[in-house]
Protein backbone atom coordinates (compact mmCIF):
# COMPACT_ATOMS: atom_id res chain seq x y z
CA UNK A 1 7.37 15.35 -6.71
CA UNK A 2 4.83 17.33 -4.73
CA UNK A 3 2.50 18.28 -7.58
CA UNK A 4 -1.23 17.92 -7.12
CA UNK A 5 -1.37 15.06 -9.60
CA UNK A 6 1.39 12.92 -8.10
CA UNK A 7 1.63 13.04 -4.31
CA UNK A 8 -0.78 15.85 -3.51
CA UNK A 9 -1.50 16.20 0.18
CA UNK A 10 1.08 13.63 1.22
CA UNK A 11 3.91 15.43 -0.55
CA UNK A 12 2.92 18.70 1.07
CA UNK A 13 2.65 17.41 4.64
CA UNK A 14 5.24 14.61 4.98
CA UNK A 15 8.50 15.33 6.85
CA UNK A 16 11.59 15.38 4.68
CA UNK A 17 13.26 12.13 3.71
CA UNK A 18 16.86 11.52 4.78
CA UNK A 19 19.39 13.22 2.53
CA UNK A 20 20.38 10.90 -0.30
CA UNK A 21 22.75 11.29 -3.21
CA UNK A 22 22.91 9.81 -6.68
CA UNK A 23 25.09 6.75 -6.88
CA UNK A 24 28.30 8.07 -8.44
CA UNK A 25 30.82 5.37 -7.54
CA UNK A 26 31.28 1.62 -7.59
CA UNK A 27 29.80 0.35 -4.33
CA UNK A 28 30.09 -3.09 -2.72
CA UNK A 29 27.63 -4.48 -0.16
CA UNK A 30 26.02 -7.69 1.06
CA UNK A 31 22.54 -6.88 -0.28
CA UNK A 32 21.37 -4.57 -3.06
CA UNK A 33 17.73 -3.45 -2.99
CA UNK A 34 16.05 -1.96 -6.05
CA UNK A 35 13.12 0.25 -5.06
CA UNK A 36 12.51 2.69 -2.23
CA UNK A 37 8.97 1.68 -1.29
CA UNK A 38 7.67 -0.17 1.75
CA UNK A 39 9.08 -3.59 0.82
CA UNK A 40 12.53 -2.36 -0.13
CA UNK A 41 12.87 0.04 2.79
CA UNK A 42 11.63 -2.50 5.32
CA UNK A 43 14.04 -5.08 3.93
CA UNK A 44 16.91 -2.58 4.12
CA UNK A 45 16.04 -1.60 7.69
CA UNK A 46 15.86 -5.19 8.91
CA UNK A 47 19.01 -6.19 7.00
CA UNK A 48 20.97 -3.29 8.47
CA UNK A 49 19.59 -4.15 11.89
CA UNK A 50 21.26 -7.55 11.53
CA UNK A 51 24.67 -6.00 10.88
CA UNK A 52 24.78 -6.66 7.14
CA UNK A 53 25.62 -4.00 4.57
CA UNK A 54 22.78 -2.93 2.26
CA UNK A 55 22.27 -0.34 -0.47
CA UNK A 56 18.88 0.89 -1.73
CA UNK A 57 18.74 2.14 -5.32
CA UNK A 58 15.69 4.28 -6.10
CA UNK A 59 15.09 5.62 -9.60
CA UNK A 60 13.19 8.65 -8.32
CA UNK A 61 12.80 9.47 -4.62
CA UNK A 62 11.77 7.50 -1.54
CA UNK A 63 8.06 6.65 -1.70
CA UNK A 64 7.70 7.93 -5.27
CA UNK A 65 5.43 5.08 -6.38
CA UNK A 66 2.42 3.57 -4.69
CA UNK A 67 4.03 3.92 -1.27
CA UNK A 68 3.64 7.69 -1.45
CA UNK A 69 0.31 7.93 -3.23
CA UNK A 70 -2.08 5.52 -1.49
CA UNK A 71 -4.94 6.22 0.91
CA UNK A 72 -2.98 5.28 4.02
CA UNK A 73 -5.09 2.41 5.39
CA UNK A 74 -2.99 -0.08 7.37
CA UNK A 75 -5.14 -3.17 6.93
CA UNK A 76 -4.76 -6.76 8.04
CA UNK A 77 -5.05 -9.55 5.49
CA UNK A 78 -5.91 -9.19 1.81
CA UNK A 79 -9.09 -8.29 -0.08
CA UNK A 80 -10.15 -11.92 -0.52
CA UNK A 81 -12.16 -13.68 2.17
CA UNK A 82 -10.05 -15.73 4.61
CA UNK A 83 -11.65 -19.00 3.53
CA UNK A 84 -11.16 -18.17 -0.16
CA UNK A 85 -7.50 -17.48 0.53
CA UNK A 86 -7.08 -20.86 2.21
CA UNK A 87 -8.91 -22.60 -0.64
CA UNK A 88 -6.62 -20.91 -3.17
CA UNK A 89 -3.32 -21.63 -1.39
CA UNK A 90 -4.19 -24.67 0.68
CA UNK A 91 -4.86 -24.89 4.40
CA UNK A 92 -1.20 -24.79 5.47
CA UNK A 93 0.19 -21.96 3.35
CA UNK A 94 -3.11 -20.08 3.41
CA UNK A 95 -3.37 -20.35 7.18
CA UNK A 96 0.18 -19.15 7.66
CA UNK A 97 -0.37 -16.21 5.31
CA UNK A 98 -3.52 -15.17 7.16
CA UNK A 99 -1.70 -15.22 10.49
CA UNK A 100 1.34 -13.43 9.03
CA UNK A 101 -0.66 -10.65 7.38
CA UNK A 102 -3.10 -10.43 10.27
CA UNK A 103 -0.17 -9.40 12.47
CA UNK A 104 1.12 -6.97 9.85
CA UNK A 105 -0.41 -3.76 11.24
CA UNK A 106 1.03 -4.51 14.69
CA UNK A 107 4.53 -4.65 13.20
CA UNK A 108 3.97 -1.40 11.30
CA UNK A 109 2.96 0.40 14.48
CA UNK A 110 5.80 -1.25 16.42
CA UNK A 111 8.31 0.19 13.94
CA UNK A 112 6.63 3.58 14.14
CA UNK A 113 7.00 3.54 17.92
CA UNK A 114 10.52 2.12 17.99
CA UNK A 115 11.97 4.58 15.50
CA UNK A 116 9.79 7.57 16.34
CA UNK A 117 8.37 7.84 12.82
CA UNK A 118 6.20 10.96 12.52
CA UNK A 119 3.44 9.78 10.19
CA UNK A 120 0.14 10.72 11.85
CA UNK A 121 -0.41 7.12 12.97
CA UNK A 122 -3.94 6.32 14.15
CA UNK A 123 -4.64 2.90 15.68
CA UNK A 124 -8.40 2.96 16.03
CA UNK A 125 -9.04 0.34 13.37
CA UNK A 126 -10.71 0.53 9.97
CA UNK A 127 -14.36 0.31 8.94
CA UNK A 128 -15.53 -1.80 5.99
CA UNK A 129 -18.86 -0.19 5.17
CA UNK A 130 -21.83 -2.28 3.99
CA UNK A 131 -23.67 -0.97 0.94
CA UNK A 132 -27.19 -2.42 1.00
CA UNK A 133 -28.30 -5.85 2.11
CA UNK A 134 -25.69 -7.62 -0.01
CA UNK A 135 -22.92 -5.58 1.56
CA UNK A 136 -24.21 -6.34 5.04
CA UNK A 137 -24.23 -10.06 4.29
CA UNK A 138 -20.68 -9.79 3.01
CA UNK A 139 -19.24 -8.13 6.09
CA UNK A 140 -21.12 -10.49 8.41
CA UNK A 141 -19.57 -13.48 6.62
CA UNK A 142 -16.14 -11.85 6.51
CA UNK A 143 -16.29 -11.16 10.25
CA UNK A 144 -17.37 -14.73 10.99
CA UNK A 145 -14.42 -16.12 9.05
CA UNK A 146 -11.95 -13.79 10.79
CA UNK A 147 -13.37 -14.62 14.21
CA UNK A 148 -12.71 -18.30 13.54
CA UNK A 149 -9.06 -17.21 13.45
CA UNK A 150 -9.46 -15.27 16.72
CA UNK A 151 -9.11 -11.92 14.96
CA UNK A 152 -10.44 -8.91 16.93
CA UNK A 153 -13.19 -7.83 14.55
CA UNK A 154 -16.82 -6.93 15.13
CA UNK A 155 -19.86 -6.10 13.05
CA UNK A 156 -21.52 -2.78 13.80
CA UNK A 157 -25.21 -2.43 13.05
CA UNK A 158 -26.57 0.54 11.13
CA UNK A 159 -26.88 2.75 14.22
CA UNK A 160 -23.45 1.90 15.64
CA UNK A 161 -21.84 2.33 12.23
CA UNK A 162 -23.46 5.74 11.87
CA UNK A 163 -21.91 6.80 15.17
CA UNK A 164 -18.42 5.84 13.99
CA UNK A 165 -18.82 7.19 10.46
CA UNK A 166 -20.94 10.25 11.06
CA UNK A 167 -23.38 9.13 8.35
CA UNK A 168 -26.34 6.73 8.27
CA UNK A 169 -25.84 5.82 4.61
CA UNK A 170 -24.51 2.32 5.28
CA UNK A 171 -26.29 -0.76 6.60
CA UNK A 172 -23.44 -1.57 8.96
CA UNK A 173 -19.67 -1.83 9.10
CA UNK A 174 -16.96 -4.36 9.92
CA UNK A 175 -14.65 -2.81 12.50
CA UNK A 176 -11.19 -4.38 12.40
CA UNK A 177 -9.39 -3.41 15.59
CA UNK A 178 -6.00 -4.57 14.27
CA UNK A 179 -5.88 -1.89 11.61
CA UNK A 180 -5.38 1.87 11.42
CA UNK A 181 -4.11 4.69 9.24
CA UNK A 182 -0.86 6.51 8.53
CA UNK A 183 0.33 9.35 6.37
CA UNK A 184 1.74 6.94 3.80
CA UNK A 185 4.57 9.00 2.32
CA UNK A 186 5.65 10.08 5.81
CA UNK A 187 5.78 6.41 6.83
CA UNK A 188 7.93 5.53 3.80
CA UNK A 189 10.29 8.41 4.53
CA UNK A 190 10.40 7.37 8.16
CA UNK A 191 11.39 3.82 7.22
CA UNK A 192 14.14 5.28 5.04
CA UNK A 193 15.41 7.42 7.89
CA UNK A 194 15.42 4.45 10.26
CA UNK A 195 17.29 2.29 7.73
CA UNK A 196 19.90 4.98 7.10
CA UNK A 197 20.28 5.46 10.84
CA UNK A 198 21.17 1.78 11.12
CA UNK A 199 23.82 2.05 8.42
CA UNK A 200 21.92 1.37 5.17
CA UNK A 201 23.05 3.34 2.12
CA UNK A 202 20.31 5.14 0.19
CA UNK A 203 20.78 6.38 -3.37
CA UNK A 204 17.99 8.35 -5.06
CA UNK A 205 17.72 9.36 -8.73
CA UNK A 206 19.80 6.25 -9.42
CA UNK A 207 17.84 4.07 -11.85
CA UNK A 208 19.16 0.58 -12.36
CA UNK A 209 19.79 0.09 -16.07
CA UNK A 210 21.01 -3.51 -15.96
CA UNK A 211 21.45 -6.39 -13.55
CA UNK A 212 23.68 -9.35 -14.22
CA UNK A 213 25.28 -12.12 -12.21
CA UNK A 214 28.99 -12.59 -12.89
CA UNK A 215 29.16 -16.04 -11.35
CA UNK A 216 29.88 -14.87 -7.83
CA UNK A 217 28.02 -11.60 -7.24
CA UNK A 218 25.28 -9.42 -8.68
CA UNK A 219 26.32 -6.30 -10.59
CA UNK A 220 23.75 -3.49 -10.80
CA UNK A 221 24.58 -0.73 -13.25
CA UNK A 222 23.25 2.83 -12.92
CA UNK A 223 24.02 5.87 -15.14
CA UNK A 224 26.93 7.00 -12.93
CA UNK A 225 28.00 3.98 -10.90
CA UNK A 226 27.42 0.37 -9.96
CA UNK A 227 26.71 -1.88 -7.00
CA UNK A 228 28.17 -5.34 -6.47
CA UNK A 229 26.33 -7.51 -3.98
CA UNK A 230 25.88 -11.11 -2.93
CA UNK A 231 22.09 -10.77 -2.71
CA UNK A 232 19.57 -8.87 -4.81
CA UNK A 233 16.05 -7.81 -3.81
CA UNK A 234 13.88 -6.37 -6.59
CA UNK A 235 11.20 -4.38 -4.77
CA UNK A 236 9.84 -2.32 -7.66
CA UNK A 237 6.50 -4.13 -8.11
CA UNK A 238 4.64 -2.46 -11.04
CA UNK A 239 7.26 0.28 -11.39
CA UNK A 240 9.73 -2.07 -13.10
CA UNK A 241 10.71 -0.57 -16.42
CA UNK A 242 14.29 -1.15 -17.53
CA UNK A 243 15.04 -4.31 -15.53
CA UNK A 244 12.91 -7.16 -14.26
CA UNK A 245 9.89 -6.00 -16.22
CA UNK A 246 8.26 -9.32 -15.39
CA UNK A 247 7.34 -7.87 -11.99
CA UNK A 248 5.07 -5.29 -13.60
CA UNK A 249 3.89 -7.45 -16.48
CA UNK A 250 2.57 -10.13 -14.13
CA UNK A 251 -0.09 -7.72 -12.84
CA UNK A 252 -2.99 -5.69 -14.16
CA UNK A 253 -2.65 -2.00 -13.35
CA UNK A 254 -5.57 -0.25 -11.71
CA UNK A 255 -5.48 3.56 -11.30
CA UNK A 256 -6.71 5.09 -8.04
CA UNK A 257 -7.23 8.76 -7.26
CA UNK A 258 -7.58 10.71 -4.04
CA UNK A 259 -9.10 14.12 -3.36
CA UNK A 260 -8.71 16.03 -0.08
CA UNK A 261 -10.88 18.84 1.19
CA UNK A 262 -9.63 21.90 2.97
CA UNK A 263 -9.39 21.42 6.75
CA UNK A 264 -12.89 21.23 8.22
CA UNK A 265 -14.08 23.35 11.16
CA UNK A 266 -13.86 21.73 14.60
CA UNK A 267 -17.64 21.28 14.70
CA UNK A 268 -17.62 19.14 11.54
CA UNK A 269 -14.49 17.25 12.57
CA UNK A 270 -16.36 16.18 15.71
CA UNK A 271 -19.21 14.77 13.57
CA UNK A 272 -17.40 13.08 10.67
CA UNK A 273 -15.25 10.03 11.48
CA UNK A 274 -14.71 11.42 14.99
CA UNK A 275 -12.32 8.59 15.96
CA UNK A 276 -10.43 8.83 12.63
CA UNK A 277 -10.94 5.28 11.47
CA UNK A 278 -10.18 4.75 7.81
CA UNK A 279 -13.20 3.54 5.82
CA UNK A 280 -14.03 1.90 2.51
CA UNK A 281 -17.17 0.32 1.08
CA UNK A 282 -18.20 -3.07 -0.25
CA UNK A 283 -18.85 -2.12 -3.87
CA UNK A 284 -16.77 -3.72 -6.62
CA UNK A 285 -15.62 -0.27 -7.75
CA UNK A 286 -14.91 0.74 -4.19
CA UNK A 287 -14.37 4.10 -2.62
CA UNK A 288 -12.45 4.98 0.51
CA UNK A 289 -12.59 7.94 2.84
CA UNK A 290 -10.73 9.06 5.94
CA UNK A 291 -9.61 12.13 7.89
CA UNK A 292 -6.06 13.38 8.30
CA UNK A 293 -4.76 14.99 11.48
CA UNK A 294 -5.51 18.48 10.19
CA UNK A 295 -9.18 17.65 9.64
CA UNK A 296 -9.18 17.20 5.88
CA UNK A 297 -11.62 14.62 4.53
CA UNK A 298 -9.86 12.44 1.95
CA UNK A 299 -11.98 10.63 -0.62
CA UNK A 300 -10.67 8.14 -3.16
CA UNK A 301 -11.87 5.74 -5.81
CA UNK A 302 -10.82 3.91 -8.95
CA UNK A 303 -9.72 6.21 -11.73
CA UNK A 304 -6.90 8.28 -13.16
CA UNK A 305 -6.66 12.06 -12.96
CA UNK A 306 -6.09 12.56 -16.67
CA UNK A 307 -8.76 13.70 -19.08
CA UNK A 308 -11.31 12.18 -16.68
CA UNK A 309 -10.28 14.41 -13.76
CA UNK A 310 -13.38 16.61 -13.81
CA UNK A 311 -15.62 13.54 -13.95
CA UNK A 312 -13.95 11.99 -10.89
CA UNK A 313 -14.00 15.28 -8.99
CA UNK A 314 -17.72 15.70 -9.65
CA UNK A 315 -18.34 12.12 -8.50
CA UNK A 316 -16.38 12.77 -5.32
CA UNK A 317 -18.38 15.91 -4.62
CA UNK A 318 -21.73 14.18 -5.16
CA UNK A 319 -20.70 11.24 -3.01
CA UNK A 320 -19.36 13.36 -0.16
CA UNK A 321 -22.50 15.50 -0.15
CA UNK A 322 -24.72 12.40 -0.14
CA UNK A 323 -22.88 11.02 2.90
CA UNK A 324 -22.37 14.34 4.62
CA UNK A 325 -24.92 16.98 3.54
CA UNK A 326 -23.24 19.49 5.87
CA UNK A 327 -20.31 19.50 3.40
CA UNK A 328 -22.41 20.80 0.49
CA UNK A 329 -20.09 23.76 -0.02
CA UNK A 330 -16.81 22.10 0.85
CA UNK A 331 -13.75 23.08 -1.16
CA UNK A 332 -11.18 20.62 -2.45
CA UNK A 333 -7.54 21.42 -1.75
CA UNK A 334 -5.48 18.52 -3.15
CA UNK A 335 -5.84 16.02 -6.03
CA UNK A 336 -3.49 13.11 -6.73
CA UNK A 337 -3.46 9.59 -8.09
CA UNK A 338 -1.36 6.46 -8.29
CA UNK A 339 -1.45 2.87 -9.47
CA UNK A 340 -2.33 -0.48 -7.92
CA UNK A 341 -0.96 -3.78 -9.21
CA UNK A 342 -3.64 -6.50 -9.26
CA UNK A 343 -2.68 -10.18 -9.53
CA UNK A 344 -4.98 -12.74 -11.10
CA UNK A 345 -5.90 -14.28 -7.72
CA UNK A 346 -5.68 -11.01 -5.73
CA UNK A 347 -2.81 -12.44 -3.67
CA UNK A 348 0.89 -11.53 -3.45
CA UNK A 349 3.61 -13.79 -4.77
CA UNK A 350 7.35 -14.26 -4.53
CA UNK A 351 9.58 -14.68 -7.55
CA UNK A 352 13.14 -16.02 -7.79
CA UNK A 353 15.07 -13.96 -10.35
CA UNK A 354 18.32 -15.89 -10.21
CA UNK A 355 20.86 -17.03 -7.63
CA UNK A 356 20.19 -15.21 -4.37
CA UNK A 357 17.78 -12.82 -6.13
CA UNK A 358 14.23 -12.41 -4.87
CA UNK A 359 11.19 -10.28 -5.60
CA UNK A 360 7.94 -10.09 -3.68
CA UNK A 361 4.93 -7.96 -4.53
CA UNK A 362 1.39 -7.98 -5.85
CA UNK A 363 -0.28 -6.54 -2.77
CA UNK A 364 -3.45 -5.56 -4.66
CA UNK A 365 -3.77 -2.16 -3.03
CA UNK A 366 -2.80 -3.27 0.46
CA UNK A 367 0.89 -2.54 0.43
CA UNK A 368 1.58 -0.87 3.76
CA UNK A 369 1.45 -3.80 6.16
CA UNK A 370 2.28 -6.60 3.67
CA UNK A 371 5.20 -4.65 2.21
CA UNK A 372 6.56 -4.06 5.69
CA UNK A 373 6.32 -7.65 6.91
CA UNK A 374 7.45 -9.26 3.66
CA UNK A 375 10.46 -6.93 3.60
CA UNK A 376 11.29 -8.13 7.11
CA UNK A 377 10.86 -11.76 6.04
CA UNK A 378 13.27 -11.33 3.12
CA UNK A 379 15.83 -9.89 5.55
CA UNK A 380 15.34 -12.83 7.90
CA UNK A 381 15.85 -15.29 5.04
CA UNK A 382 18.99 -13.54 3.79
CA UNK A 383 20.38 -13.52 7.34
CA UNK A 384 19.86 -17.29 7.54
CA UNK A 385 17.15 -17.10 10.20
CA UNK A 386 14.36 -18.69 8.15
CA UNK A 387 14.14 -20.84 5.04
CA UNK A 388 12.52 -19.49 1.89
CA UNK A 389 9.64 -21.93 2.43
CA UNK A 390 9.00 -20.32 5.82
CA UNK A 391 7.94 -17.07 4.14
CA UNK A 392 4.15 -17.44 3.83
CA UNK A 393 3.71 -16.44 0.20
CA UNK A 394 3.38 -18.58 -2.92
CA UNK A 395 6.58 -18.87 -4.95
CA UNK A 396 5.46 -18.63 -8.56
CA UNK A 397 6.93 -17.84 -11.97
CA UNK A 398 6.29 -14.19 -12.84
CA UNK A 399 4.33 -14.70 -16.07
CA UNK A 400 2.61 -11.91 -18.02
CA UNK A 401 -0.97 -11.35 -16.88
CA UNK A 402 -3.40 -12.20 -19.71
CA UNK A 403 -4.73 -9.12 -21.50
CA UNK A 404 -3.24 -6.88 -18.80
CA UNK A 405 -3.18 -3.74 -20.94
CA UNK A 406 -6.74 -4.20 -22.21
CA UNK A 407 -7.96 -4.90 -18.69
CA UNK A 408 -6.23 -1.80 -17.38
CA UNK A 409 -7.76 0.39 -20.08
CA UNK A 410 -11.15 -1.19 -19.45
CA UNK A 411 -10.95 -0.49 -15.72
CA UNK A 412 -10.01 3.13 -16.36
CA UNK A 413 -12.80 3.66 -18.89
CA UNK A 414 -15.37 1.80 -16.79
CA UNK A 415 -14.59 3.83 -13.68
CA UNK A 416 -14.93 7.09 -15.64
CA UNK A 417 -18.25 5.99 -17.12
CA UNK A 418 -19.60 4.97 -13.72
CA UNK A 419 -18.41 8.13 -12.03
CA UNK A 420 -20.04 10.26 -14.71
CA UNK A 421 -23.50 9.23 -13.51
CA UNK A 422 -23.16 7.72 -10.02
CA UNK A 423 -22.65 8.76 -6.45
CA UNK A 424 -21.27 6.45 -3.80
CA UNK A 425 -24.05 5.68 -1.37
């Protein structure tokens, strides 16, 4: 669980999750949730908050998948430009999704405050860093489109960006004041603790082997027990294996690694990302970097820590030294990687898996805020507070992504080839 290749720094520094047992009995509840990531845990929390009974079945442990391995940027919106999103989904649905996801970070931080979740939350925004003239044009246009929606964003020129970042390598940066950072595994475990505190049942190491509807209720079978429920939420995203494999097969898998330095001296911590904004750049094969509360610089990019690990580590070292020459002798302390599910239009979608059975996912590397707010929306729908059409996400059949395996292998190989010769500035 806490090895350097799986959860790395996050597994070493996150508070413990609530105590959970394997499902060993036949359990009955209103709602069964498969998957202990952000979507499933948020749904369970908000369902329990409404007085309904809910059970979460996790094949491994809370936050085992992408929820415990990501960079920890709590961003608003999706990767695509706001206008592109509206063109793809239409003005009504697209506009509602932009508003919904734009408010996502605020709900994340509200839950953190309300339930006292210890996850190193920082609310100073994020910085989208412009690489070259093309990158500067991109962030200027992105900011203009967000400002048309009254979003609190601003473009920093080269000098102002250098002050925030501690490096003059970028032509500017888009500062999104809605956003921030968290320790992602700690946030997932905190959601689990809050849900359990409200009465949700949490079962770890309880993989669902089969789901079937008997005409009145769902029956979920695990190796040692079962759950019968009126509603089913499949919140496994790309980690679907034995059941509802269509969730994973509808996306292309992109690997993403992170490397963390040892804690930096106070002098360097005052120079590098002094306000602890999370940052990422405008390149197609992007990189991200941020500081944790202990002063470790975390650097991530596309790639898997398999046979290419030394290549990615060398790329990270070259890139860090190019941005921050004062870190020429810095030592790395943690290495880990995870997976991102990419949809064909870079937007999430909702699938209906049967009577009173729903799945939402496809966050394209932005799972913290979207997973949290879509989990809440599923709870609101199940409680009868909103109609399914009121959830601002396209409802689409979960069809296999064309050439998903070849694309995934190509992304992995391409990232390794690029990182063998490049540095990220």
